[in-house]
N, C-alpha and C. Protein backbone atom coordinates (compact mmCIF):
# COMPACT_ATOMS: atom_id res chain seq x y z
N MET A 1 116.40 120.32 98.40
CA MET A 1 116.54 119.50 99.59
C MET A 1 115.21 118.81 99.89
N ASN A 2 115.24 117.58 100.30
CA ASN A 2 114.05 116.81 100.62
C ASN A 2 113.67 117.03 102.08
N ASN A 3 112.48 117.59 102.32
CA ASN A 3 112.03 117.88 103.68
C ASN A 3 111.01 116.90 104.20
N ILE A 4 110.87 115.74 103.55
CA ILE A 4 109.91 114.73 104.00
C ILE A 4 110.39 114.11 105.30
N LYS A 5 109.52 114.10 106.31
CA LYS A 5 109.87 113.51 107.61
C LYS A 5 109.78 112.00 107.52
N GLU A 6 110.80 111.32 107.92
CA GLU A 6 110.86 109.86 107.90
C GLU A 6 110.48 109.34 109.27
N ASN A 7 109.43 108.49 109.35
CA ASN A 7 108.93 107.97 110.62
C ASN A 7 109.48 106.60 110.97
N ARG A 8 110.30 106.02 110.15
CA ARG A 8 110.80 104.67 110.41
C ARG A 8 111.78 104.66 111.57
N LEU A 9 111.70 103.59 112.36
CA LEU A 9 112.58 103.45 113.51
C LEU A 9 113.90 102.76 113.16
N ALA A 10 113.95 102.08 112.02
CA ALA A 10 115.16 101.36 111.61
C ALA A 10 115.24 101.38 110.10
N GLY A 11 116.45 101.22 109.57
CA GLY A 11 116.64 101.17 108.14
C GLY A 11 115.95 99.96 107.53
N ARG A 12 115.37 100.14 106.37
CA ARG A 12 114.70 99.05 105.68
C ARG A 12 115.55 98.59 104.51
N TYR A 13 115.44 97.31 104.20
CA TYR A 13 116.23 96.71 103.14
C TYR A 13 115.31 96.04 102.14
N PRO A 14 115.51 96.31 100.84
CA PRO A 14 114.67 95.68 99.82
C PRO A 14 114.76 94.16 99.90
N THR A 15 113.63 93.50 99.91
CA THR A 15 113.58 92.04 99.94
C THR A 15 112.42 91.55 99.10
N PHE A 16 112.48 90.31 98.67
CA PHE A 16 111.39 89.70 97.92
C PHE A 16 111.14 88.32 98.52
N CYS A 17 110.36 88.31 99.60
CA CYS A 17 110.04 87.08 100.33
C CYS A 17 108.53 86.88 100.32
N THR A 18 108.11 85.65 100.53
CA THR A 18 106.69 85.34 100.61
C THR A 18 106.16 85.64 102.01
N VAL A 19 105.00 86.29 102.06
CA VAL A 19 104.29 86.55 103.31
C VAL A 19 103.06 85.65 103.31
N GLU A 20 102.90 84.87 104.39
CA GLU A 20 101.76 83.96 104.52
C GLU A 20 100.82 84.52 105.58
N LEU A 21 99.62 84.91 105.14
CA LEU A 21 98.57 85.42 106.02
C LEU A 21 97.46 84.40 106.13
N ASP A 22 96.60 84.53 107.13
CA ASP A 22 95.43 83.65 107.22
C ASP A 22 94.54 83.80 105.99
N THR A 23 94.52 84.98 105.39
CA THR A 23 93.62 85.28 104.27
C THR A 23 94.26 85.12 102.90
N GLY A 24 95.54 84.77 102.85
CA GLY A 24 96.21 84.63 101.56
C GLY A 24 97.70 84.85 101.68
N THR A 25 98.30 85.30 100.59
CA THR A 25 99.74 85.52 100.56
C THR A 25 100.07 86.92 100.05
N GLY A 26 101.33 87.28 100.21
CA GLY A 26 101.83 88.54 99.71
C GLY A 26 103.30 88.42 99.42
N VAL A 27 103.91 89.53 99.00
CA VAL A 27 105.34 89.58 98.70
C VAL A 27 105.92 90.82 99.35
N THR A 28 107.02 90.64 100.08
CA THR A 28 107.64 91.78 100.75
C THR A 28 108.24 92.75 99.74
N ARG A 29 108.22 94.02 100.11
CA ARG A 29 108.92 95.06 99.36
C ARG A 29 110.20 95.41 100.11
N ASN A 30 110.08 95.54 101.44
CA ASN A 30 111.25 95.81 102.27
C ASN A 30 111.00 95.30 103.68
N LEU A 31 112.10 95.16 104.43
CA LEU A 31 112.06 94.53 105.73
C LEU A 31 113.11 95.19 106.63
N SER A 32 112.79 95.33 107.91
CA SER A 32 113.76 95.84 108.88
C SER A 32 113.59 95.08 110.19
N THR A 33 114.33 95.45 111.19
CA THR A 33 114.19 94.81 112.50
C THR A 33 112.92 95.25 113.21
N THR A 34 112.29 96.32 112.74
CA THR A 34 111.08 96.82 113.41
C THR A 34 109.81 96.66 112.59
N GLY A 35 109.92 96.31 111.31
CA GLY A 35 108.70 96.19 110.51
C GLY A 35 108.94 95.66 109.12
N VAL A 36 107.83 95.58 108.38
CA VAL A 36 107.85 95.05 107.02
C VAL A 36 106.81 95.79 106.19
N CYS A 37 107.11 95.92 104.91
CA CYS A 37 106.15 96.44 103.94
C CYS A 37 105.97 95.36 102.88
N PHE A 38 104.71 95.04 102.56
CA PHE A 38 104.46 94.01 101.55
C PHE A 38 103.21 94.36 100.75
N THR A 39 103.07 93.70 99.61
CA THR A 39 101.87 93.83 98.79
C THR A 39 101.09 92.53 98.84
N THR A 40 99.78 92.65 98.72
CA THR A 40 98.89 91.50 98.72
C THR A 40 97.67 91.84 97.88
N ASP A 41 96.97 90.81 97.38
CA ASP A 41 95.76 91.08 96.61
C ASP A 41 94.53 91.25 97.50
N LYS A 42 94.73 91.17 98.81
CA LYS A 42 93.65 91.38 99.79
C LYS A 42 93.68 92.82 100.30
N ILE A 43 92.53 93.35 100.67
CA ILE A 43 92.46 94.67 101.29
C ILE A 43 92.61 94.48 102.80
N ILE A 44 93.57 95.16 103.40
CA ILE A 44 93.83 95.06 104.83
C ILE A 44 93.70 96.46 105.41
N GLU A 45 92.96 96.59 106.48
CA GLU A 45 92.69 97.89 107.07
C GLU A 45 93.76 98.29 108.08
N PRO A 46 94.02 99.59 108.23
CA PRO A 46 94.98 100.08 109.23
C PRO A 46 94.55 99.72 110.65
N ASN A 47 95.52 99.64 111.54
CA ASN A 47 95.36 99.39 112.98
C ASN A 47 95.01 97.96 113.35
N LEU A 48 94.88 97.07 112.39
CA LEU A 48 94.65 95.66 112.70
C LEU A 48 95.91 95.04 113.29
N MET A 49 95.74 94.08 114.17
CA MET A 49 96.86 93.27 114.65
C MET A 49 96.85 91.99 113.82
N LEU A 50 97.98 91.64 113.24
CA LEU A 50 98.07 90.46 112.38
C LEU A 50 99.14 89.51 112.86
N ARG A 51 98.89 88.22 112.62
CA ARG A 51 99.91 87.17 112.78
C ARG A 51 100.18 86.64 111.39
N PHE A 52 101.46 86.43 111.07
CA PHE A 52 101.81 86.00 109.73
C PHE A 52 103.22 85.40 109.73
N PHE A 53 103.58 84.79 108.63
CA PHE A 53 104.92 84.22 108.44
C PHE A 53 105.59 84.90 107.26
N ILE A 54 106.89 85.11 107.37
CA ILE A 54 107.70 85.55 106.25
C ILE A 54 108.67 84.42 105.96
N SER A 55 108.62 83.89 104.73
CA SER A 55 109.51 82.80 104.32
C SER A 55 110.65 83.37 103.51
N MET A 56 111.88 83.05 103.93
CA MET A 56 113.05 83.57 103.23
C MET A 56 114.10 82.48 103.09
N GLN A 57 114.93 82.63 102.05
CA GLN A 57 115.98 81.66 101.81
C GLN A 57 117.22 82.38 101.33
N LYS A 58 118.35 82.00 101.88
CA LYS A 58 119.63 82.52 101.42
C LYS A 58 120.25 81.46 100.53
N LYS A 59 120.98 81.86 99.53
CA LYS A 59 121.56 80.91 98.57
C LYS A 59 122.11 79.67 99.25
N GLY A 60 121.66 78.51 98.77
CA GLY A 60 122.21 77.25 99.23
C GLY A 60 121.83 76.85 100.65
N ARG A 61 120.91 77.56 101.27
CA ARG A 61 120.51 77.21 102.63
C ARG A 61 119.03 76.88 102.68
N ASN A 62 118.62 76.26 103.77
CA ASN A 62 117.22 75.89 103.94
C ASN A 62 116.33 77.12 104.09
N MET A 63 115.06 76.95 103.76
CA MET A 63 114.06 77.99 103.92
C MET A 63 113.87 78.29 105.40
N ILE A 64 113.78 79.56 105.74
CA ILE A 64 113.53 79.99 107.12
C ILE A 64 112.16 80.65 107.16
N ARG A 65 111.36 80.30 108.15
CA ARG A 65 110.05 80.93 108.34
C ARG A 65 110.12 81.78 109.60
N LEU A 66 109.96 83.08 109.43
CA LEU A 66 109.94 84.02 110.53
C LEU A 66 108.48 84.21 110.94
N ARG A 67 108.16 83.84 112.19
CA ARG A 67 106.79 84.00 112.70
C ARG A 67 106.67 85.40 113.27
N CYS A 68 105.69 86.15 112.78
CA CYS A 68 105.59 87.57 113.14
C CYS A 68 104.20 87.92 113.65
N GLU A 69 104.16 88.94 114.49
CA GLU A 69 102.93 89.60 114.88
C GLU A 69 103.20 91.09 114.82
N GLY A 70 102.19 91.85 114.44
CA GLY A 70 102.39 93.29 114.39
C GLY A 70 101.11 94.05 114.09
N ARG A 71 101.25 95.37 114.17
CA ARG A 71 100.12 96.27 113.94
C ARG A 71 100.28 96.92 112.57
N VAL A 72 99.19 96.95 111.83
CA VAL A 72 99.18 97.61 110.52
C VAL A 72 99.23 99.12 110.75
N VAL A 73 100.31 99.75 110.33
CA VAL A 73 100.48 101.19 110.56
C VAL A 73 100.14 102.03 109.34
N ARG A 74 100.12 101.39 108.16
CA ARG A 74 99.80 102.12 106.94
C ARG A 74 99.35 101.16 105.87
N THR A 75 98.37 101.58 105.08
CA THR A 75 97.96 100.81 103.91
C THR A 75 97.78 101.76 102.74
N HIS A 76 97.95 101.23 101.56
CA HIS A 76 97.68 101.98 100.34
C HIS A 76 96.96 101.03 99.40
N LYS A 77 95.67 101.30 99.19
CA LYS A 77 94.87 100.45 98.32
C LYS A 77 95.12 100.83 96.87
N PHE A 78 95.16 99.82 96.00
CA PHE A 78 95.26 100.05 94.57
C PHE A 78 94.31 99.10 93.87
N ALA A 79 94.25 99.14 92.55
CA ALA A 79 93.23 98.44 91.78
C ALA A 79 93.10 96.96 92.10
N ASN A 80 94.21 96.26 92.28
CA ASN A 80 94.13 94.81 92.49
C ASN A 80 94.74 94.37 93.82
N GLY A 81 94.69 95.23 94.84
CA GLY A 81 95.20 94.81 96.14
C GLY A 81 95.58 95.95 97.04
N CYS A 82 96.64 95.73 97.80
CA CYS A 82 96.98 96.67 98.85
C CYS A 82 98.47 96.56 99.19
N GLU A 83 99.08 97.71 99.49
CA GLU A 83 100.42 97.73 100.07
C GLU A 83 100.22 97.94 101.57
N VAL A 84 100.90 97.14 102.37
CA VAL A 84 100.69 97.13 103.82
C VAL A 84 102.02 97.34 104.53
N ALA A 85 102.04 98.25 105.50
CA ALA A 85 103.22 98.44 106.34
C ALA A 85 102.85 98.02 107.76
N ILE A 86 103.67 97.15 108.34
CA ILE A 86 103.41 96.61 109.67
C ILE A 86 104.59 96.89 110.58
N GLN A 87 104.28 97.33 111.78
CA GLN A 87 105.31 97.47 112.83
C GLN A 87 105.23 96.21 113.69
N PHE A 88 106.35 95.50 113.79
CA PHE A 88 106.37 94.26 114.56
C PHE A 88 106.12 94.52 116.05
N THR A 89 105.34 93.62 116.66
CA THR A 89 105.25 93.58 118.12
C THR A 89 106.10 92.40 118.62
N THR A 90 106.14 91.31 117.84
CA THR A 90 107.02 90.17 118.14
C THR A 90 107.40 89.48 116.84
N PHE A 91 108.54 88.82 116.85
CA PHE A 91 108.90 87.92 115.78
C PHE A 91 109.91 86.92 116.31
N GLU A 92 109.89 85.73 115.75
CA GLU A 92 110.85 84.70 116.17
C GLU A 92 111.17 83.79 115.01
N TRP A 93 112.40 83.27 115.00
CA TRP A 93 112.87 82.36 113.96
C TRP A 93 112.36 80.98 114.20
């Protein structure tokens, strides 16, 4: 039996969308109504407040840019970048 405590407030769904930051870009791993996890080649520190855009497109429809703000709740640094988990404070279509 898996005894790992899950801290997420909402279910996450695998996605592959572009994340646009002031310092560069990234790619989402998963997304929910309360947060996002993405990878980037930049190192981002925990507890930062960030503003960013997530660009997504559904088949045959126009690109949608979701404007987001949130707090970095977790990071995992690796050789060529960072995985970042953000809890949204606001977002709008």
